[in-house]
Amino acid sequence: MSHSGSTSASSQPGACTASCSNAARTLSPANSKRLSMRTAASTCVASVRCTCGLRRTRYRGLRKTHVQHVLTALACNVTRIADWITIPTRNPRPPSPFHALVSATG
């Protein structure tokens, strides 16, 4: 089947990017802040969903599913805190040539 007469936004090249850029230009500062917070939250939820297996639930029922989500979030937060507390094991960078010059003359 041919759709010769239809012209939708998805069939036009660059239509999505044009509408997205227009929406970005019309955002007020308050809406821009809300959008950035929403984007950060969506990114966090997406990473937990992909890494911790929250795409499908193990249990049936709202209460059990809620407990699974809470425990998964708790485990992810404990992991993040543990990563934050530990001291990085990499060696410090060697001084740059400029820093070596300044410390040698100063």
PDB file of N, CA and C in Angstrom:
ATOM      1  N   MET A   1       0.836  -1.187   0.000  1.00  0.00           N
ATOM      2  CA  MET A   1       0.000   0.000   0.000  1.00  0.00           C
ATOM      3  C   MET A   1       0.870   1.235   0.000  1.00  0.00           C
ATOM      4  N   SER A   2       0.421   2.221  -0.717  1.00  0.00           N
ATOM      5  CA  SER A   2       1.169   3.458  -0.836  1.00  0.00           C
ATOM      6  C   SER A   2       0.431   4.575  -0.120  1.00  0.00           C
ATOM      7  N   HIS A   3       1.143   5.407   0.556  1.00  0.00           N
ATOM      8  CA  HIS A   3       0.569   6.578   1.223  1.00  0.00           C
ATOM      9  C   HIS A   3       1.012   7.822   0.473  1.00  0.00           C
ATOM     10  N   SER A   4       0.626   7.950  -0.768  1.00  0.00           N
ATOM     11  CA  SER A   4       1.132   9.034  -1.606  1.00  0.00           C
ATOM     12  C   SER A   4       0.555  10.383  -1.210  1.00  0.00           C
ATOM     13  N   GLY A   5      -0.660  10.416  -0.696  1.00  0.00           N
ATOM     14  CA  GLY A   5      -1.284  11.703  -0.415  1.00  0.00           C
ATOM     15  C   GLY A   5      -1.038  12.223   0.979  1.00  0.00           C
ATOM     16  N   SER A   6      -0.521  11.415   1.887  1.00  0.00           N
ATOM     17  CA  SER A   6      -0.382  11.875   3.266  1.00  0.00           C
ATOM     18  C   SER A   6       0.974  12.525   3.479  1.00  0.00           C
ATOM     19  N   THR A   7       0.959  13.606   4.218  1.00  0.00           N
ATOM     20  CA  THR A   7       2.198  14.267   4.607  1.00  0.00           C
ATOM     21  C   THR A   7       2.149  14.456   6.110  1.00  0.00           C
ATOM     22  N   SER A   8       2.759  13.558   6.812  1.00  0.00           N
ATOM     23  CA  SER A   8       2.796  13.678   8.259  1.00  0.00           C
ATOM     24  C   SER A   8       4.122  14.277   8.689  1.00  0.00           C
ATOM     25  N   ALA A   9       4.197  14.671   9.956  1.00  0.00           N
ATOM     26  CA  ALA A   9       5.427  15.273  10.471  1.00  0.00           C
ATOM     27  C   ALA A   9       6.569  14.272  10.478  1.00  0.00           C
ATOM     28  N   SER A  10       6.250  12.994  10.662  1.00  0.00           N
ATOM     29  CA  SER A  10       7.319  11.998  10.716  1.00  0.00           C
ATOM     30  C   SER A  10       7.887  11.707   9.335  1.00  0.00           C
ATOM     31  N   SER A  11       7.125  11.962   8.259  1.00  0.00           N
ATOM     32  CA  SER A  11       7.627  11.664   6.929  1.00  0.00           C
ATOM     33  C   SER A  11       8.497  12.790   6.386  1.00  0.00           C
ATOM     34  N   GLN A  12       8.429  13.976   6.967  1.00  0.00           N
ATOM     35  CA  GLN A  12       9.238  15.084   6.502  1.00  0.00           C
ATOM     36  C   GLN A  12      10.578  15.077   7.231  1.00  0.00           C
ATOM     37  N   PRO A  13      11.663  15.135   6.501  1.00  0.00           N
ATOM     38  CA  PRO A  13      12.956  15.133   7.165  1.00  0.00           C
ATOM     39  C   PRO A  13      13.166  16.407   7.973  1.00  0.00           C
ATOM     40  N   GLY A  14      13.639  16.260   9.192  1.00  0.00           N
ATOM     41  CA  GLY A  14      13.919  17.412  10.033  1.00  0.00           C
ATOM     42  C   GLY A  14      12.714  17.999  10.726  1.00  0.00           C
ATOM     43  N   ALA A  15      11.541  17.386  10.592  1.00  0.00           N
ATOM     44  CA  ALA A  15      10.339  17.953  11.199  1.00  0.00           C
ATOM     45  C   ALA A  15      10.390  17.869  12.715  1.00  0.00           C
ATOM     46  N   CYS A  16      10.893  16.751  13.222  1.00  0.00           N
ATOM     47  CA  CYS A  16      10.962  16.591  14.666  1.00  0.00           C
ATOM     48  C   CYS A  16      11.967  17.557  15.275  1.00  0.00           C
ATOM     49  N   THR A  17      13.122  17.691  14.663  1.00  0.00           N
ATOM     50  CA  THR A  17      14.127  18.582  15.222  1.00  0.00           C
ATOM     51  C   THR A  17      13.672  20.027  15.172  1.00  0.00           C
ATOM     52  N   ALA A  18      12.915  20.385  14.131  1.00  0.00           N
ATOM     53  CA  ALA A  18      12.416  21.750  14.052  1.00  0.00           C
ATOM     54  C   ALA A  18      11.397  22.017  15.143  1.00  0.00           C
ATOM     55  N   SER A  19      10.488  21.074  15.382  1.00  0.00           N
ATOM     56  CA  SER A  19       9.485  21.296  16.419  1.00  0.00           C
ATOM     57  C   SER A  19      10.125  21.270  17.799  1.00  0.00           C
ATOM     58  N   CYS A  20      11.147  20.443  18.000  1.00  0.00           N
ATOM     59  CA  CYS A  20      11.826  20.399  19.297  1.00  0.00           C
ATOM     60  C   CYS A  20      12.583  21.691  19.551  1.00  0.00           C
ATOM     61  N   SER A  21      13.218  22.228  18.527  1.00  0.00           N
ATOM     62  CA  SER A  21      13.966  23.466  18.737  1.00  0.00           C
ATOM     63  C   SER A  21      13.020  24.636  18.978  1.00  0.00           C
ATOM     64  N   ASN A  22      11.846  24.628  18.339  1.00  0.00           N
ATOM     65  CA  ASN A  22      10.859  25.675  18.603  1.00  0.00           C
ATOM     66  C   ASN A  22      10.353  25.585  20.025  1.00  0.00           C
ATOM     67  N   ALA A  23      10.137  24.379  20.518  1.00  0.00           N
ATOM     68  CA  ALA A  23       9.677  24.210  21.890  1.00  0.00           C
ATOM     69  C   ALA A  23      10.742  24.655  22.877  1.00  0.00           C
ATOM     70  N   ALA A  24      11.991  24.401  22.561  1.00  0.00           N
ATOM     71  CA  ALA A  24      13.068  24.800  23.462  1.00  0.00           C
ATOM     72  C   ALA A  24      13.209  26.310  23.530  1.00  0.00           C
ATOM     73  N   ARG A  25      12.935  26.992  22.410  1.00  0.00           N
ATOM     74  CA  ARG A  25      13.037  28.449  22.405  1.00  0.00           C
ATOM     75  C   ARG A  25      11.924  29.118  23.182  1.00  0.00           C
ATOM     76  N   THR A  26      10.753  28.484  23.261  1.00  0.00           N
ATOM     77  CA  THR A  26       9.612  29.120  23.909  1.00  0.00           C
ATOM     78  C   THR A  26       9.511  28.791  25.388  1.00  0.00           C
ATOM     79  N   LEU A  27      10.465  28.049  25.940  1.00  0.00           N
ATOM     80  CA  LEU A  27      10.410  27.713  27.352  1.00  0.00           C
ATOM     81  C   LEU A  27      10.746  28.932  28.204  1.00  0.00           C
ATOM     82  N   SER A  28       9.949  29.154  29.224  1.00  0.00           N
ATOM     83  CA  SER A  28      10.272  30.195  30.182  1.00  0.00           C
ATOM     84  C   SER A  28      11.322  29.649  31.139  1.00  0.00           C
ATOM     85  N   PRO A  29      11.967  30.492  31.914  1.00  0.00           N
ATOM     86  CA  PRO A  29      12.979  29.994  32.863  1.00  0.00           C
ATOM     87  C   PRO A  29      12.415  28.984  33.862  1.00  0.00           C
ATOM     88  N   ALA A  30      11.185  29.194  34.320  1.00  0.00           N
ATOM     89  CA  ALA A  30      10.583  28.257  35.272  1.00  0.00           C
ATOM     90  C   ALA A  30      10.338  26.905  34.616  1.00  0.00           C
ATOM     91  N   ASN A  31       9.820  26.927  33.394  1.00  0.00           N
ATOM     92  CA  ASN A  31       9.583  25.666  32.687  1.00  0.00           C
ATOM     93  C   ASN A  31      10.890  24.977  32.331  1.00  0.00           C
ATOM     94  N   SER A  32      11.914  25.741  32.036  1.00  0.00           N
ATOM     95  CA  SER A  32      13.214  25.160  31.727  1.00  0.00           C
ATOM     96  C   SER A  32      13.774  24.435  32.935  1.00  0.00           C
ATOM     97  N   LYS A  33      13.611  25.020  34.118  1.00  0.00           N
ATOM     98  CA  LYS A  33      14.086  24.371  35.342  1.00  0.00           C
ATOM     99  C   LYS A  33      13.310  23.082  35.598  1.00  0.00           C
ATOM    100  N   ARG A  34      11.980  23.133  35.407  1.00  0.00           N
ATOM    101  CA  ARG A  34      11.163  21.928  35.586  1.00  0.00           C
ATOM    102  C   ARG A  34      11.567  20.843  34.607  1.00  0.00           C
ATOM    103  N   LEU A  35      11.829  21.235  33.375  1.00  0.00           N
ATOM    104  CA  LEU A  35      12.215  20.261  32.357  1.00  0.00           C
ATOM    105  C   LEU A  35      13.549  19.620  32.690  1.00  0.00           C
ATOM    106  N   SER A  36      14.500  20.396  33.181  1.00  0.00           N
ATOM    107  CA  SER A  36      15.799  19.823  33.525  1.00  0.00           C
ATOM    108  C   SER A  36      15.678  18.862  34.706  1.00  0.00           C
ATOM    109  N   MET A  37      14.819  19.186  35.689  1.00  0.00           N
ATOM    110  CA  MET A  37      14.603  18.279  36.815  1.00  0.00           C
ATOM    111  C   MET A  37      13.929  16.999  36.351  1.00  0.00           C
ATOM    112  N   ARG A  38      12.972  17.139  35.440  1.00  0.00           N
ATOM    113  CA  ARG A  38      12.270  15.960  34.934  1.00  0.00           C
ATOM    114  C   ARG A  38      13.212  15.073  34.132  1.00  0.00           C
ATOM    115  N   THR A  39      14.085  15.690  33.359  1.00  0.00           N
ATOM    116  CA  THR A  39      15.047  14.933  32.575  1.00  0.00           C
ATOM    117  C   THR A  39      15.995  14.166  33.481  1.00  0.00           C
ATOM    118  N   ALA A  40      16.443  14.805  34.561  1.00  0.00           N
ATOM    119  CA  ALA A  40      17.343  14.136  35.498  1.00  0.00           C
ATOM    120  C   ALA A  40      16.644  12.950  36.160  1.00  0.00           C
ATOM    121  N   ALA A  41      15.395  13.140  36.556  1.00  0.00           N
ATOM    122  CA  ALA A  41      14.659  12.043  37.192  1.00  0.00           C
ATOM    123  C   ALA A  41      14.414  10.910  36.203  1.00  0.00           C
ATOM    124  N   SER A  42      14.074  11.236  34.972  1.00  0.00           N
ATOM    125  CA  SER A  42      13.835  10.200  33.959  1.00  0.00           C
ATOM    126  C   SER A  42      15.104   9.409  33.674  1.00  0.00           C
ATOM    127  N   THR A  43      16.236  10.093  33.647  1.00  0.00           N
ATOM    128  CA  THR A  43      17.501   9.422  33.412  1.00  0.00           C
ATOM    129  C   THR A  43      17.816   8.463  34.549  1.00  0.00           C
ATOM    130  N   CYS A  44      17.565   8.900  35.777  1.00  0.00           N
ATOM    131  CA  CYS A  44      17.826   8.048  36.939  1.00  0.00           C
ATOM    132  C   CYS A  44      16.931   6.812  36.913  1.00  0.00           C
ATOM    133  N   VAL A  45      15.654   7.009  36.639  1.00  0.00           N
ATOM    134  CA  VAL A  45      14.713   5.887  36.589  1.00  0.00           C
ATOM    135  C   VAL A  45      15.085   4.934  35.466  1.00  0.00           C
ATOM    136  N   ALA A  46      15.486   5.468  34.326  1.00  0.00           N
ATOM    137  CA  ALA A  46      15.855   4.613  33.197  1.00  0.00           C
ATOM    138  C   ALA A  46      17.082   3.780  33.513  1.00  0.00           C
ATOM    139  N   SER A  47      18.065   4.369  34.192  1.00  0.00           N
ATOM    140  CA  SER A  47      19.264   3.593  34.516  1.00  0.00           C
ATOM    141  C   SER A  47      18.947   2.497  35.521  1.00  0.00           C
ATOM    142  N   VAL A  48      18.086   2.782  36.500  1.00  0.00           N
ATOM    143  CA  VAL A  48      17.699   1.751  37.470  1.00  0.00           C
ATOM    144  C   VAL A  48      16.888   0.662  36.778  1.00  0.00           C
ATOM    145  N   ARG A  49      16.033   1.060  35.880  1.00  0.00           N
ATOM    146  CA  ARG A  49      15.207   0.091  35.175  1.00  0.00           C
ATOM    147  C   ARG A  49      16.063  -0.848  34.334  1.00  0.00           C
ATOM    148  N   CYS A  50      17.071  -0.324  33.684  1.00  0.00           N
ATOM    149  CA  CYS A  50      17.904  -1.161  32.821  1.00  0.00           C
ATOM    150  C   CYS A  50      18.898  -2.005  33.609  1.00  0.00           C
ATOM    151  N   THR A  51      19.508  -1.446  34.662  1.00  0.00           N
ATOM    152  CA  THR A  51      20.562  -2.172  35.366  1.00  0.00           C
ATOM    153  C   THR A  51      20.033  -3.102  36.439  1.00  0.00           C
ATOM    154  N   CYS A  52      18.908  -2.772  37.035  1.00  0.00           N
ATOM    155  CA  CYS A  52      18.417  -3.565  38.169  1.00  0.00           C
ATOM    156  C   CYS A  52      17.230  -4.445  37.819  1.00  0.00           C
ATOM    157  N   GLY A  53      16.838  -4.478  36.578  1.00  0.00           N
ATOM    158  CA  GLY A  53      15.789  -5.387  36.159  1.00  0.00           C
ATOM    159  C   GLY A  53      14.385  -4.975  36.561  1.00  0.00           C
ATOM    160  N   LEU A  54      14.108  -3.688  36.574  1.00  0.00           N
ATOM    161  CA  LEU A  54      12.765  -3.242  36.942  1.00  0.00           C
ATOM    162  C   LEU A  54      11.818  -3.156  35.751  1.00  0.00           C
ATOM    163  N   ARG A  55      12.253  -3.652  34.620  1.00  0.00           N
ATOM    164  CA  ARG A  55      11.340  -3.633  33.474  1.00  0.00           C
ATOM    165  C   ARG A  55      10.158  -4.567  33.709  1.00  0.00           C
ATOM    166  N   ARG A  56      10.422  -5.682  34.347  1.00  0.00           N
ATOM    167  CA  ARG A  56       9.355  -6.631  34.686  1.00  0.00           C
ATOM    168  C   ARG A  56       9.400  -6.898  36.176  1.00  0.00           C
ATOM    169  N   THR A  57       8.240  -7.076  36.750  1.00  0.00           N
ATOM    170  CA  THR A  57       8.176  -7.327  38.183  1.00  0.00           C
ATOM    171  C   THR A  57       8.201  -8.812  38.469  1.00  0.00           C
ATOM    172  N   ARG A  58       8.692  -9.161  39.621  1.00  0.00           N
ATOM    173  CA  ARG A  58       8.782 -10.548  40.014  1.00  0.00           C
ATOM    174  C   ARG A  58       7.497 -11.016  40.673  1.00  0.00           C
ATOM    175  N   TYR A  59       6.779 -10.079  41.271  1.00  0.00           N
ATOM    176  CA  TYR A  59       5.618 -10.431  42.086  1.00  0.00           C
ATOM    177  C   TYR A  59       4.326  -9.958  41.443  1.00  0.00           C
ATOM    178  N   ARG A  60       3.209 -10.526  41.897  1.00  0.00           N
ATOM    179  CA  ARG A  60       1.888 -10.085  41.463  1.00  0.00           C
ATOM    180  C   ARG A  60       1.262  -9.330  42.615  1.00  0.00           C
ATOM    181  N   GLY A  61       0.625  -8.248  42.283  1.00  0.00           N
ATOM    182  CA  GLY A  61      -0.033  -7.447  43.296  1.00  0.00           C
ATOM    183  C   GLY A  61       0.714  -6.144  43.526  1.00  0.00           C
ATOM    184  N   LEU A  62      -0.050  -5.098  43.814  1.00  0.00           N
ATOM    185  CA  LEU A  62       0.521  -3.768  43.950  1.00  0.00           C
ATOM    186  C   LEU A  62       1.433  -3.662  45.174  1.00  0.00           C
ATOM    187  N   ARG A  63       1.044  -4.251  46.287  1.00  0.00           N
ATOM    188  CA  ARG A  63       1.854  -4.150  47.500  1.00  0.00           C
ATOM    189  C   ARG A  63       3.207  -4.825  47.328  1.00  0.00           C
ATOM    190  N   LYS A  64       3.200  -6.023  46.794  1.00  0.00           N
ATOM    191  CA  LYS A  64       4.452  -6.750  46.614  1.00  0.00           C
ATOM    192  C   LYS A  64       5.348  -6.053  45.590  1.00  0.00           C
ATOM    193  N   THR A  65       4.753  -5.547  44.518  1.00  0.00           N
ATOM    194  CA  THR A  65       5.518  -4.835  43.512  1.00  0.00           C
ATOM    195  C   THR A  65       6.116  -3.566  44.100  1.00  0.00           C
ATOM    196  N   HIS A  66       5.351  -2.879  44.935  1.00  0.00           N
ATOM    197  CA  HIS A  66       5.858  -1.668  45.581  1.00  0.00           C
ATOM    198  C   HIS A  66       7.046  -1.996  46.481  1.00  0.00           C
ATOM    199  N   VAL A  67       6.942  -3.076  47.236  1.00  0.00           N
ATOM    200  CA  VAL A  67       8.051  -3.490  48.099  1.00  0.00           C
ATOM    201  C   VAL A  67       9.283  -3.812  47.250  1.00  0.00           C
ATOM    202  N   GLN A  68       9.102  -4.460  46.117  1.00  0.00           N
ATOM    203  CA  GLN A  68      10.227  -4.764  45.240  1.00  0.00           C
ATOM    204  C   GLN A  68      10.885  -3.476  44.754  1.00  0.00           C
ATOM    205  N   HIS A  69      10.095  -2.496  44.354  1.00  0.00           N
ATOM    206  CA  HIS A  69      10.654  -1.237  43.872  1.00  0.00           C
ATOM    207  C   HIS A  69      11.393  -0.497  44.979  1.00  0.00           C
ATOM    208  N   VAL A  70      10.825  -0.482  46.178  1.00  0.00           N
ATOM    209  CA  VAL A  70      11.471   0.214  47.292  1.00  0.00           C
ATOM    210  C   VAL A  70      12.797  -0.457  47.647  1.00  0.00           C
ATOM    211  N   LEU A  71      12.815  -1.776  47.705  1.00  0.00           N
ATOM    212  CA  LEU A  71      14.049  -2.488  48.036  1.00  0.00           C
ATOM    213  C   LEU A  71      15.100  -2.335  46.936  1.00  0.00           C
ATOM    214  N   THR A  72      14.670  -2.305  45.688  1.00  0.00           N
ATOM    215  CA  THR A  72      15.609  -2.096  44.591  1.00  0.00           C
ATOM    216  C   THR A  72      16.205  -0.698  44.660  1.00  0.00           C
ATOM    217  N   ALA A  73      15.372   0.312  44.931  1.00  0.00           N
ATOM    218  CA  ALA A  73      15.873   1.677  45.059  1.00  0.00           C
ATOM    219  C   ALA A  73      16.829   1.792  46.236  1.00  0.00           C
ATOM    220  N   LEU A  74      16.517   1.122  47.337  1.00  0.00           N
ATOM    221  CA  LEU A  74      17.391   1.122  48.500  1.00  0.00           C
ATOM    222  C   LEU A  74      18.753   0.509  48.154  1.00  0.00           C
ATOM    223  N   ALA A  75      18.736  -0.607  47.464  1.00  0.00           N
ATOM    224  CA  ALA A  75      19.989  -1.260  47.079  1.00  0.00           C
ATOM    225  C   ALA A  75      20.812  -0.372  46.146  1.00  0.00           C
ATOM    226  N   CYS A  76      20.155   0.289  45.197  1.00  0.00           N
ATOM    227  CA  CYS A  76      20.872   1.187  44.279  1.00  0.00           C
ATOM    228  C   CYS A  76      21.461   2.370  45.031  1.00  0.00           C
ATOM    229  N   ASN A  77      20.725   2.921  45.990  1.00  0.00           N
ATOM    230  CA  ASN A  77      21.229   4.054  46.759  1.00  0.00           C
ATOM    231  C   ASN A  77      22.389   3.646  47.652  1.00  0.00           C
ATOM    232  N   VAL A  78      22.320   2.462  48.254  1.00  0.00           N
ATOM    233  CA  VAL A  78      23.434   1.986  49.082  1.00  0.00           C
ATOM    234  C   VAL A  78      24.676   1.808  48.222  1.00  0.00           C
ATOM    235  N   THR A  79      24.510   1.296  47.020  1.00  0.00           N
ATOM    236  CA  THR A  79      25.637   1.132  46.105  1.00  0.00           C
ATOM    237  C   THR A  79      26.227   2.486  45.731  1.00  0.00           C
ATOM    238  N   ARG A  80      25.366   3.456  45.455  1.00  0.00           N
ATOM    239  CA  ARG A  80      25.847   4.794  45.106  1.00  0.00           C
ATOM    240  C   ARG A  80      26.588   5.438  46.267  1.00  0.00           C
ATOM    241  N   ILE A  81      26.071   5.264  47.493  1.00  0.00           N
ATOM    242  CA  ILE A  81      26.743   5.829  48.660  1.00  0.00           C
ATOM    243  C   ILE A  81      28.088   5.152  48.884  1.00  0.00           C
ATOM    244  N   ALA A  82      28.138   3.846  48.712  1.00  0.00           N
ATOM    245  CA  ALA A  82      29.407   3.125  48.867  1.00  0.00           C
ATOM    246  C   ALA A  82      30.431   3.597  47.840  1.00  0.00           C
ATOM    247  N   ASP A  83      29.994   3.828  46.611  1.00  0.00           N
ATOM    248  CA  ASP A  83      30.903   4.334  45.585  1.00  0.00           C
ATOM    249  C   ASP A  83      31.360   5.750  45.904  1.00  0.00           C
ATOM    250  N   TRP A  84      30.495   6.526  46.522  1.00  0.00           N
ATOM    251  CA  TRP A  84      30.807   7.914  46.843  1.00  0.00           C
ATOM    252  C   TRP A  84      31.791   7.995  48.008  1.00  0.00           C
ATOM    253  N   ILE A  85      31.664   7.078  48.974  1.00  0.00           N
ATOM    254  CA  ILE A  85      32.500   7.111  50.169  1.00  0.00           C
ATOM    255  C   ILE A  85      33.910   6.603  49.890  1.00  0.00           C
ATOM    256  N   THR A  86      34.037   5.596  49.049  1.00  0.00           N
ATOM    257  CA  THR A  86      35.347   4.990  48.834  1.00  0.00           C
ATOM    258  C   THR A  86      36.313   5.980  48.214  1.00  0.00           C
ATOM    259  N   ILE A  87      37.561   5.831  48.598  1.00  0.00           N
ATOM    260  CA  ILE A  87      38.606   6.707  48.078  1.00  0.00           C
ATOM    261  C   ILE A  87      39.016   6.179  46.707  1.00  0.00           C
ATOM    262  N   PRO A  88      39.131   7.051  45.725  1.00  0.00           N
ATOM    263  CA  PRO A  88      39.536   6.569  44.408  1.00  0.00           C
ATOM    264  C   PRO A  88      40.927   5.951  44.462  1.00  0.00           C
ATOM    265  N   THR A  89      41.117   4.889  43.718  1.00  0.00           N
ATOM    266  CA  THR A  89      42.375   4.151  43.758  1.00  0.00           C
ATOM    267  C   THR A  89      43.355   4.586  42.687  1.00  0.00           C
ATOM    268  N   ARG A  90      42.982   5.510  41.840  1.00  0.00           N
ATOM    269  CA  ARG A  90      43.894   5.907  40.775  1.00  0.00           C
ATOM    270  C   ARG A  90      44.978   6.831  41.334  1.00  0.00           C
ATOM    271  N   ASN A  91      46.099   6.845  40.680  1.00  0.00           N
ATOM    272  CA  ASN A  91      47.222   7.674  41.089  1.00  0.00           C
ATOM    273  C   ASN A  91      46.939   9.121  40.715  1.00  0.00           C
ATOM    274  N   PRO A  92      47.466  10.068  41.491  1.00  0.00           N
ATOM    275  CA  PRO A  92      47.269  11.466  41.106  1.00  0.00           C
ATOM    276  C   PRO A  92      48.009  11.778  39.813  1.00  0.00           C
ATOM    277  N   ARG A  93      47.505  12.765  39.111  1.00  0.00           N
ATOM    278  CA  ARG A  93      48.121  13.142  37.845  1.00  0.00           C
ATOM    279  C   ARG A  93      49.484  13.762  38.091  1.00  0.00           C
ATOM    280  N   PRO A  94      50.407  13.556  37.176  1.00  0.00           N
ATOM    281  CA  PRO A  94      51.693  14.243  37.314  1.00  0.00           C
ATOM    282  C   PRO A  94      51.490  15.747  37.085  1.00  0.00           C
ATOM    283  N   PRO A  95      52.341  16.567  37.653  1.00  0.00           N
ATOM    284  CA  PRO A  95      52.160  18.013  37.477  1.00  0.00           C
ATOM    285  C   PRO A  95      52.351  18.408  36.012  1.00  0.00           C
ATOM    286  N   SER A  96      51.607  19.406  35.602  1.00  0.00           N
ATOM    287  CA  SER A  96      51.737  19.895  34.234  1.00  0.00           C
ATOM    288  C   SER A  96      53.050  20.642  34.093  1.00  0.00           C
ATOM    289  N   PRO A  97      53.510  20.828  32.863  1.00  0.00           N
ATOM    290  CA  PRO A  97      54.763  21.581  32.674  1.00  0.00           C
ATOM    291  C   PRO A  97      54.680  22.996  33.264  1.00  0.00           C
ATOM    292  N   PHE A  98      53.531  23.636  33.152  1.00  0.00           N
ATOM    293  CA  PHE A  98      53.374  24.976  33.709  1.00  0.00           C
ATOM    294  C   PHE A  98      53.483  24.940  35.232  1.00  0.00           C
ATOM    295  N   HIS A  99      52.831  23.971  35.854  1.00  0.00           N
ATOM    296  CA  HIS A  99      52.887  23.859  37.314  1.00  0.00           C
ATOM    297  C   HIS A  99      54.306  23.549  37.782  1.00  0.00           C
ATOM    298  N   ALA A 100      55.016  22.702  37.057  1.00  0.00           N
ATOM    299  CA  ALA A 100      56.403  22.395  37.401  1.00  0.00           C
ATOM    300  C   ALA A 100      57.278  23.641  37.281  1.00  0.00           C
ATOM    301  N   LEU A 101      57.027  24.454  36.272  1.00  0.00           N
ATOM    302  CA  LEU A 101      57.794  25.694  36.068  1.00  0.00           C
ATOM    303  C   LEU A 101      57.523  26.683  37.189  1.00  0.00           C
ATOM    304  N   VAL A 102      56.240  26.840  37.564  1.00  0.00           N
ATOM    305  CA  VAL A 102      55.887  27.789  38.605  1.00  0.00           C
ATOM    306  C   VAL A 102      56.457  27.349  39.951  1.00  0.00           C
ATOM    307  N   SER A 103      56.372  26.061  40.259  1.00  0.00           N
ATOM    308  CA  SER A 103      56.884  25.593  41.552  1.00  0.00           C
ATOM    309  C   SER A 103      58.413  25.636  41.577  1.00  0.00           C
ATOM    310  N   ALA A 104      59.099  25.525  40.436  1.00  0.00           N
ATOM    311  CA  ALA A 104      60.552  25.574  40.406  1.00  0.00           C
ATOM    312  C   ALA A 104      61.066  26.995  40.563  1.00  0.00           C
ATOM    313  N   THR A 105      60.330  27.979  40.042  1.00  0.00           N
ATOM    314  CA  THR A 105      60.781  29.377  40.110  1.00  0.00           C
ATOM    315  C   THR A 105      60.251  30.083  41.349  1.00  0.00           C
ATOM    316  N   GLY A 106      59.250  29.547  41.986  1.00  0.00           N
ATOM    317  CA  GLY A 106      58.609  30.237  43.107  1.00  0.00           C
ATOM    318  C   GLY A 106      59.144  29.827  44.384  1.00  0.00           C
TER     319      GLY A 106
END
